[in-house]
Amino acid sequence: MNTKRILISGVVIWIVGVIFGWVMCGWLFNWVYQLPPNIWKDPAVMFSTGNIIGSNVVGIIRALLFAFVFAVLYKGIPSKGVTKGMIYGILVWLVGTLAGIASMPFYMTIATTVVVYWIIQALVLNIISGAIVGAIYKET
């Protein structure tokens, strides 16, 4: 297992994820969060120092785990390089994200459009993250 490449991949995935989230949720598709019912916290609370630090800590841990699990499953994922990573990203999305997000309307009062947006956004980000780890990570 190539620890250095896991760490590098994780950090790059985290940085790209932060930028992607800022562009998609904070600018391009921020209108989605205005749809009723409006269940979101006050922006002053959402963007408080504690929440920003907490979300970044969770984000870097998630990115490092994404890269680590790729390394663990490396030999079992078909293809090579970027394509191998993209396949991994789709598999992670299918097993983890899709079921979790798709079930939200059953136990939360949340706009269906938000759920659909999150499902699509998560797929795109997982494919991008997979491409990154596939490009950076190599077995030694």
N, C-alpha and C. Protein backbone atom coordinates (compact mmCIF):
# COMPACT_ATOMS: atom_id res chain seq x y z
N MET A 1 0.85 -1.18 0.00
CA MET A 1 0.00 0.00 0.00
C MET A 1 0.90 1.24 0.00
N ASN A 2 0.58 2.18 -0.85
CA ASN A 2 1.39 3.38 -1.01
C ASN A 2 0.79 4.52 -0.18
N THR A 3 1.25 4.65 1.07
CA THR A 3 0.69 5.61 2.01
C THR A 3 0.84 7.05 1.53
N LYS A 4 1.97 7.37 0.95
CA LYS A 4 2.20 8.73 0.47
C LYS A 4 1.17 9.12 -0.59
N ARG A 5 0.89 8.22 -1.50
CA ARG A 5 -0.08 8.51 -2.57
C ARG A 5 -1.51 8.53 -2.04
N ILE A 6 -1.79 7.76 -0.99
CA ILE A 6 -3.10 7.82 -0.34
C ILE A 6 -3.30 9.21 0.25
N LEU A 7 -2.30 9.70 0.97
CA LEU A 7 -2.39 11.03 1.59
C LEU A 7 -2.52 12.13 0.55
N ILE A 8 -1.70 12.06 -0.50
CA ILE A 8 -1.77 13.07 -1.55
C ILE A 8 -3.14 13.04 -2.23
N SER A 9 -3.61 11.84 -2.56
CA SER A 9 -4.93 11.70 -3.19
C SER A 9 -6.02 12.27 -2.30
N GLY A 10 -5.97 11.92 -1.02
CA GLY A 10 -6.98 12.40 -0.08
C GLY A 10 -7.01 13.91 0.01
N VAL A 11 -5.85 14.53 0.09
CA VAL A 11 -5.79 15.99 0.19
C VAL A 11 -6.31 16.65 -1.10
N VAL A 12 -5.92 16.12 -2.25
CA VAL A 12 -6.39 16.68 -3.52
C VAL A 12 -7.91 16.50 -3.65
N ILE A 13 -8.42 15.33 -3.28
CA ILE A 13 -9.87 15.08 -3.32
C ILE A 13 -10.59 16.06 -2.41
N TRP A 14 -10.05 16.30 -1.23
CA TRP A 14 -10.66 17.25 -0.29
C TRP A 14 -10.70 18.66 -0.88
N ILE A 15 -9.58 19.11 -1.42
CA ILE A 15 -9.52 20.46 -2.00
C ILE A 15 -10.51 20.59 -3.16
N VAL A 16 -10.53 19.62 -4.05
CA VAL A 16 -11.45 19.66 -5.19
C VAL A 16 -12.90 19.62 -4.69
N GLY A 17 -13.16 18.82 -3.66
CA GLY A 17 -14.50 18.74 -3.09
C GLY A 17 -14.97 20.05 -2.49
N VAL A 18 -14.08 20.74 -1.82
CA VAL A 18 -14.43 22.05 -1.24
C VAL A 18 -14.75 23.04 -2.35
N ILE A 19 -13.92 23.08 -3.36
CA ILE A 19 -14.16 23.99 -4.49
C ILE A 19 -15.45 23.62 -5.22
N PHE A 20 -15.64 22.34 -5.46
CA PHE A 20 -16.85 21.85 -6.14
C PHE A 20 -18.09 22.24 -5.34
N GLY A 21 -18.07 22.00 -4.04
CA GLY A 21 -19.20 22.34 -3.18
C GLY A 21 -19.49 23.83 -3.16
N TRP A 22 -18.44 24.62 -3.10
CA TRP A 22 -18.60 26.07 -3.07
C TRP A 22 -19.22 26.57 -4.38
N VAL A 23 -18.72 26.05 -5.51
CA VAL A 23 -19.25 26.48 -6.81
C VAL A 23 -20.68 25.98 -7.01
N MET A 24 -20.92 24.72 -6.71
CA MET A 24 -22.24 24.14 -6.99
C MET A 24 -23.30 24.59 -5.98
N CYS A 25 -23.02 24.45 -4.70
CA CYS A 25 -24.03 24.77 -3.67
C CYS A 25 -24.04 26.25 -3.32
N GLY A 26 -22.89 26.87 -3.33
CA GLY A 26 -22.81 28.26 -2.92
C GLY A 26 -23.09 29.26 -4.01
N TRP A 27 -23.05 28.81 -5.26
CA TRP A 27 -23.24 29.77 -6.34
C TRP A 27 -24.21 29.25 -7.41
N LEU A 28 -23.80 28.23 -8.16
CA LEU A 28 -24.56 27.81 -9.34
C LEU A 28 -25.95 27.27 -9.01
N PHE A 29 -26.05 26.43 -8.00
CA PHE A 29 -27.33 25.82 -7.65
C PHE A 29 -27.82 26.24 -6.26
N ASN A 30 -27.43 27.39 -5.78
CA ASN A 30 -27.87 27.82 -4.46
C ASN A 30 -29.38 28.04 -4.39
N TRP A 31 -30.03 28.23 -5.54
CA TRP A 31 -31.49 28.40 -5.59
C TRP A 31 -32.22 27.16 -5.07
N VAL A 32 -31.59 25.99 -5.17
CA VAL A 32 -32.22 24.75 -4.70
C VAL A 32 -32.56 24.84 -3.21
N TYR A 33 -31.71 25.52 -2.47
CA TYR A 33 -31.91 25.60 -1.02
C TYR A 33 -32.96 26.64 -0.61
N GLN A 34 -33.53 27.32 -1.59
CA GLN A 34 -34.62 28.26 -1.31
C GLN A 34 -35.99 27.61 -1.48
N LEU A 35 -36.01 26.40 -2.03
CA LEU A 35 -37.28 25.71 -2.25
C LEU A 35 -37.92 25.31 -0.93
N PRO A 36 -39.24 25.43 -0.84
CA PRO A 36 -39.91 25.02 0.40
C PRO A 36 -39.93 23.49 0.52
N PRO A 37 -39.91 22.94 1.69
CA PRO A 37 -39.84 23.66 2.96
C PRO A 37 -38.41 24.10 3.25
N ASN A 38 -38.27 25.28 3.75
CA ASN A 38 -36.95 25.82 4.05
C ASN A 38 -36.53 25.37 5.45
N ILE A 39 -35.75 24.29 5.49
CA ILE A 39 -35.36 23.67 6.76
C ILE A 39 -33.94 24.02 7.19
N TRP A 40 -33.29 24.87 6.42
CA TRP A 40 -31.87 25.13 6.64
C TRP A 40 -31.67 26.12 7.77
N LYS A 41 -30.54 25.98 8.43
CA LYS A 41 -30.19 26.90 9.52
C LYS A 41 -29.91 28.29 8.95
N ASP A 42 -29.96 29.24 9.85
CA ASP A 42 -29.61 30.62 9.52
C ASP A 42 -28.18 30.63 8.97
N PRO A 43 -27.91 31.33 7.86
CA PRO A 43 -26.55 31.36 7.29
C PRO A 43 -25.48 31.77 8.30
N ALA A 44 -25.83 32.65 9.24
CA ALA A 44 -24.85 33.04 10.26
C ALA A 44 -24.43 31.85 11.10
N VAL A 45 -25.36 30.93 11.36
CA VAL A 45 -25.05 29.72 12.13
C VAL A 45 -24.31 28.72 11.24
N MET A 46 -24.81 28.55 10.02
CA MET A 46 -24.18 27.58 9.11
C MET A 46 -22.72 27.91 8.84
N PHE A 47 -22.42 29.18 8.72
CA PHE A 47 -21.06 29.59 8.39
C PHE A 47 -20.27 30.09 9.59
N SER A 48 -20.68 29.64 10.77
CA SER A 48 -19.93 30.01 11.97
C SER A 48 -18.58 29.28 11.95
N THR A 49 -17.64 29.79 12.70
CA THR A 49 -16.28 29.22 12.72
C THR A 49 -16.30 27.74 13.08
N GLY A 50 -17.07 27.37 14.09
CA GLY A 50 -17.13 25.98 14.50
C GLY A 50 -17.66 25.06 13.42
N ASN A 51 -18.70 25.51 12.71
CA ASN A 51 -19.26 24.69 11.64
C ASN A 51 -18.31 24.59 10.45
N ILE A 52 -17.61 25.65 10.13
CA ILE A 52 -16.65 25.61 9.03
C ILE A 52 -15.51 24.66 9.36
N ILE A 53 -14.98 24.76 10.57
CA ILE A 53 -13.90 23.86 10.99
C ILE A 53 -14.39 22.42 11.00
N GLY A 54 -15.55 22.20 11.61
CA GLY A 54 -16.11 20.84 11.69
C GLY A 54 -16.35 20.22 10.33
N SER A 55 -16.93 20.99 9.42
CA SER A 55 -17.21 20.43 8.09
C SER A 55 -15.92 20.14 7.32
N ASN A 56 -14.89 20.94 7.52
CA ASN A 56 -13.61 20.68 6.86
C ASN A 56 -12.90 19.48 7.46
N VAL A 57 -13.00 19.30 8.76
CA VAL A 57 -12.40 18.11 9.40
C VAL A 57 -13.09 16.85 8.88
N VAL A 58 -14.42 16.86 8.84
CA VAL A 58 -15.16 15.72 8.31
C VAL A 58 -14.82 15.51 6.83
N GLY A 59 -14.69 16.60 6.08
CA GLY A 59 -14.37 16.51 4.66
C GLY A 59 -13.02 15.88 4.39
N ILE A 60 -11.99 16.27 5.16
CA ILE A 60 -10.66 15.69 4.95
C ILE A 60 -10.63 14.23 5.37
N ILE A 61 -11.35 13.89 6.44
CA ILE A 61 -11.42 12.49 6.86
C ILE A 61 -12.11 11.66 5.78
N ARG A 62 -13.21 12.17 5.26
CA ARG A 62 -13.93 11.47 4.19
C ARG A 62 -13.04 11.26 2.97
N ALA A 63 -12.31 12.28 2.57
CA ALA A 63 -11.44 12.19 1.40
C ALA A 63 -10.31 11.18 1.62
N LEU A 64 -9.72 11.19 2.80
CA LEU A 64 -8.65 10.24 3.11
C LEU A 64 -9.19 8.81 3.16
N LEU A 65 -10.38 8.63 3.71
CA LEU A 65 -11.00 7.29 3.73
C LEU A 65 -11.33 6.82 2.32
N PHE A 66 -11.80 7.72 1.48
CA PHE A 66 -12.09 7.39 0.08
C PHE A 66 -10.83 6.85 -0.58
N ALA A 67 -9.71 7.54 -0.41
CA ALA A 67 -8.44 7.12 -1.01
C ALA A 67 -7.93 5.82 -0.37
N PHE A 68 -8.07 5.70 0.94
CA PHE A 68 -7.61 4.49 1.64
C PHE A 68 -8.38 3.26 1.18
N VAL A 69 -9.69 3.36 1.10
CA VAL A 69 -10.50 2.21 0.67
C VAL A 69 -10.18 1.85 -0.78
N PHE A 70 -9.92 2.85 -1.61
CA PHE A 70 -9.48 2.57 -2.99
C PHE A 70 -8.22 1.72 -2.97
N ALA A 71 -7.27 2.08 -2.11
CA ALA A 71 -6.01 1.33 -2.02
C ALA A 71 -6.27 -0.10 -1.54
N VAL A 72 -7.17 -0.27 -0.58
CA VAL A 72 -7.48 -1.60 -0.07
C VAL A 72 -8.12 -2.47 -1.16
N LEU A 73 -9.02 -1.88 -1.93
CA LEU A 73 -9.74 -2.62 -2.97
C LEU A 73 -9.06 -2.60 -4.33
N TYR A 74 -7.92 -1.96 -4.42
CA TYR A 74 -7.22 -1.68 -5.68
C TYR A 74 -7.20 -2.85 -6.66
N LYS A 75 -6.77 -4.01 -6.19
CA LYS A 75 -6.62 -5.15 -7.09
C LYS A 75 -7.95 -5.74 -7.55
N GLY A 76 -9.02 -5.47 -6.82
CA GLY A 76 -10.32 -6.01 -7.18
C GLY A 76 -11.16 -5.11 -8.08
N ILE A 77 -10.68 -3.90 -8.34
CA ILE A 77 -11.41 -2.97 -9.20
C ILE A 77 -10.91 -3.14 -10.63
N PRO A 78 -11.83 -3.36 -11.58
CA PRO A 78 -11.38 -3.57 -12.96
C PRO A 78 -10.82 -2.30 -13.58
N SER A 79 -10.08 -2.46 -14.65
CA SER A 79 -9.51 -1.39 -15.46
C SER A 79 -8.20 -0.87 -14.86
N LYS A 80 -7.76 0.29 -15.36
CA LYS A 80 -6.49 0.88 -14.91
C LYS A 80 -6.62 2.39 -14.82
N GLY A 81 -5.78 2.98 -13.98
CA GLY A 81 -5.66 4.42 -13.89
C GLY A 81 -6.95 5.16 -13.58
N VAL A 82 -7.21 6.21 -14.35
CA VAL A 82 -8.36 7.08 -14.13
C VAL A 82 -9.66 6.30 -14.25
N THR A 83 -9.76 5.42 -15.22
CA THR A 83 -10.98 4.63 -15.41
C THR A 83 -11.24 3.75 -14.20
N LYS A 84 -10.20 3.14 -13.65
CA LYS A 84 -10.33 2.32 -12.44
C LYS A 84 -10.89 3.18 -11.31
N GLY A 85 -10.39 4.38 -11.16
CA GLY A 85 -10.87 5.28 -10.13
C GLY A 85 -12.32 5.70 -10.34
N MET A 86 -12.68 5.94 -11.58
CA MET A 86 -14.06 6.34 -11.88
C MET A 86 -15.04 5.20 -11.60
N ILE A 87 -14.64 3.98 -11.91
CA ILE A 87 -15.48 2.82 -11.58
C ILE A 87 -15.64 2.73 -10.08
N TYR A 88 -14.56 2.91 -9.35
CA TYR A 88 -14.61 2.90 -7.88
C TYR A 88 -15.56 4.00 -7.37
N GLY A 89 -15.46 5.20 -7.93
CA GLY A 89 -16.34 6.30 -7.53
C GLY A 89 -17.80 5.98 -7.74
N ILE A 90 -18.13 5.34 -8.86
CA ILE A 90 -19.51 4.95 -9.12
C ILE A 90 -19.97 3.88 -8.14
N LEU A 91 -19.09 2.92 -7.84
CA LEU A 91 -19.45 1.87 -6.88
C LEU A 91 -19.69 2.45 -5.49
N VAL A 92 -18.84 3.38 -5.05
CA VAL A 92 -19.04 4.01 -3.74
C VAL A 92 -20.36 4.76 -3.74
N TRP A 93 -20.66 5.46 -4.81
CA TRP A 93 -21.92 6.19 -4.92
C TRP A 93 -23.11 5.24 -4.84
N LEU A 94 -23.04 4.12 -5.57
CA LEU A 94 -24.14 3.16 -5.57
C LEU A 94 -24.39 2.56 -4.19
N VAL A 95 -23.33 2.17 -3.52
CA VAL A 95 -23.47 1.47 -2.25
C VAL A 95 -23.73 2.43 -1.09
N GLY A 96 -23.11 3.57 -1.11
CA GLY A 96 -23.23 4.48 0.03
C GLY A 96 -24.19 5.63 -0.17
N THR A 97 -23.93 6.42 -1.15
CA THR A 97 -24.64 7.68 -1.31
C THR A 97 -26.06 7.52 -1.83
N LEU A 98 -26.25 6.76 -2.88
CA LEU A 98 -27.56 6.66 -3.52
C LEU A 98 -28.64 6.23 -2.54
N ALA A 99 -28.42 5.14 -1.85
CA ALA A 99 -29.44 4.63 -0.93
C ALA A 99 -29.68 5.60 0.23
N GLY A 100 -28.62 6.18 0.75
CA GLY A 100 -28.76 7.09 1.88
C GLY A 100 -29.52 8.35 1.53
N ILE A 101 -29.19 8.95 0.43
CA ILE A 101 -29.85 10.20 0.04
C ILE A 101 -31.26 9.93 -0.50
N ALA A 102 -31.42 8.86 -1.28
CA ALA A 102 -32.73 8.58 -1.86
C ALA A 102 -33.78 8.27 -0.80
N SER A 103 -33.35 7.83 0.36
CA SER A 103 -34.31 7.51 1.43
C SER A 103 -34.69 8.73 2.27
N MET A 104 -34.02 9.84 2.11
CA MET A 104 -34.28 11.03 2.93
C MET A 104 -35.72 11.51 2.95
N PRO A 105 -36.42 11.57 1.82
CA PRO A 105 -37.80 12.08 1.86
C PRO A 105 -38.73 11.22 2.73
N PHE A 106 -38.34 10.00 3.03
CA PHE A 106 -39.19 9.12 3.84
C PHE A 106 -39.14 9.46 5.33
N TYR A 107 -38.08 10.14 5.76
CA TYR A 107 -37.99 10.48 7.18
C TYR A 107 -37.66 11.94 7.45
N MET A 108 -37.59 12.75 6.41
CA MET A 108 -37.34 14.18 6.56
C MET A 108 -38.32 14.97 5.71
N THR A 109 -38.63 16.17 6.17
CA THR A 109 -39.42 17.08 5.35
C THR A 109 -38.43 17.89 4.53
N ILE A 110 -38.23 17.44 3.31
CA ILE A 110 -37.22 18.05 2.45
C ILE A 110 -37.75 18.06 1.01
N ALA A 111 -37.41 19.09 0.27
CA ALA A 111 -37.87 19.21 -1.12
C ALA A 111 -37.28 18.08 -1.97
N THR A 112 -38.11 17.48 -2.79
CA THR A 112 -37.66 16.41 -3.68
C THR A 112 -36.57 16.90 -4.62
N THR A 113 -36.66 18.13 -5.04
CA THR A 113 -35.64 18.71 -5.93
C THR A 113 -34.27 18.70 -5.27
N VAL A 114 -34.23 18.99 -3.97
CA VAL A 114 -32.96 18.97 -3.23
C VAL A 114 -32.39 17.56 -3.23
N VAL A 115 -33.24 16.57 -3.00
CA VAL A 115 -32.79 15.18 -2.98
C VAL A 115 -32.23 14.77 -4.35
N VAL A 116 -32.93 15.09 -5.41
CA VAL A 116 -32.46 14.77 -6.76
C VAL A 116 -31.15 15.48 -7.04
N TYR A 117 -31.06 16.76 -6.65
CA TYR A 117 -29.83 17.54 -6.83
C TYR A 117 -28.66 16.88 -6.09
N TRP A 118 -28.89 16.49 -4.83
CA TRP A 118 -27.83 15.85 -4.04
C TRP A 118 -27.40 14.52 -4.65
N ILE A 119 -28.33 13.74 -5.17
CA ILE A 119 -27.98 12.46 -5.78
C ILE A 119 -27.09 12.68 -7.00
N ILE A 120 -27.47 13.61 -7.85
CA ILE A 120 -26.68 13.91 -9.06
C ILE A 120 -25.34 14.53 -8.68
N GLN A 121 -25.36 15.47 -7.74
CA GLN A 121 -24.12 16.11 -7.31
C GLN A 121 -23.16 15.09 -6.72
N ALA A 122 -23.66 14.17 -5.91
CA ALA A 122 -22.82 13.15 -5.30
C ALA A 122 -22.22 12.22 -6.35
N LEU A 123 -23.01 11.88 -7.37
CA LEU A 123 -22.49 11.03 -8.44
C LEU A 123 -21.34 11.72 -9.16
N VAL A 124 -21.55 12.97 -9.52
CA VAL A 124 -20.50 13.72 -10.23
C VAL A 124 -19.25 13.85 -9.36
N LEU A 125 -19.43 14.20 -8.09
CA LEU A 125 -18.26 14.37 -7.21
C LEU A 125 -17.55 13.03 -6.96
N ASN A 126 -18.29 11.94 -6.83
CA ASN A 126 -17.64 10.64 -6.65
C ASN A 126 -16.86 10.22 -7.88
N ILE A 127 -17.39 10.50 -9.06
CA ILE A 127 -16.66 10.18 -10.29
C ILE A 127 -15.39 11.03 -10.39
N ILE A 128 -15.50 12.31 -10.07
CA ILE A 128 -14.31 13.19 -10.07
C ILE A 128 -13.29 12.71 -9.04
N SER A 129 -13.76 12.42 -7.83
CA SER A 129 -12.86 11.94 -6.77
C SER A 129 -12.20 10.62 -7.18
N GLY A 130 -12.98 9.74 -7.80
CA GLY A 130 -12.42 8.48 -8.27
C GLY A 130 -11.37 8.70 -9.35
N ALA A 131 -11.63 9.62 -10.26
CA ALA A 131 -10.65 9.93 -11.32
C ALA A 131 -9.35 10.46 -10.70
N ILE A 132 -9.49 11.28 -9.66
CA ILE A 132 -8.30 11.83 -8.99
C ILE A 132 -7.48 10.71 -8.35
N VAL A 133 -8.14 9.88 -7.56
CA VAL A 133 -7.40 8.81 -6.87
C VAL A 133 -6.85 7.81 -7.89
N GLY A 134 -7.60 7.57 -8.96
CA GLY A 134 -7.12 6.66 -10.00
C GLY A 134 -5.89 7.20 -10.72
N ALA A 135 -5.82 8.51 -10.89
CA ALA A 135 -4.68 9.13 -11.54
C ALA A 135 -3.45 9.20 -10.63
N ILE A 136 -3.68 9.42 -9.34
CA ILE A 136 -2.56 9.63 -8.41
C ILE A 136 -2.06 8.32 -7.81
N TYR A 137 -2.98 7.43 -7.41
CA TYR A 137 -2.57 6.24 -6.66
C TYR A 137 -2.01 5.17 -7.60
N LYS A 138 -0.90 4.67 -7.25
CA LYS A 138 -0.29 3.53 -7.96
C LYS A 138 0.27 2.58 -6.90
N GLU A 139 0.05 1.30 -7.08
CA GLU A 139 0.64 0.30 -6.18
C GLU A 139 2.15 0.29 -6.35
N THR A 140 2.85 0.10 -5.24
CA THR A 140 4.32 0.03 -5.34
C THR A 140 4.80 -1.38 -5.16
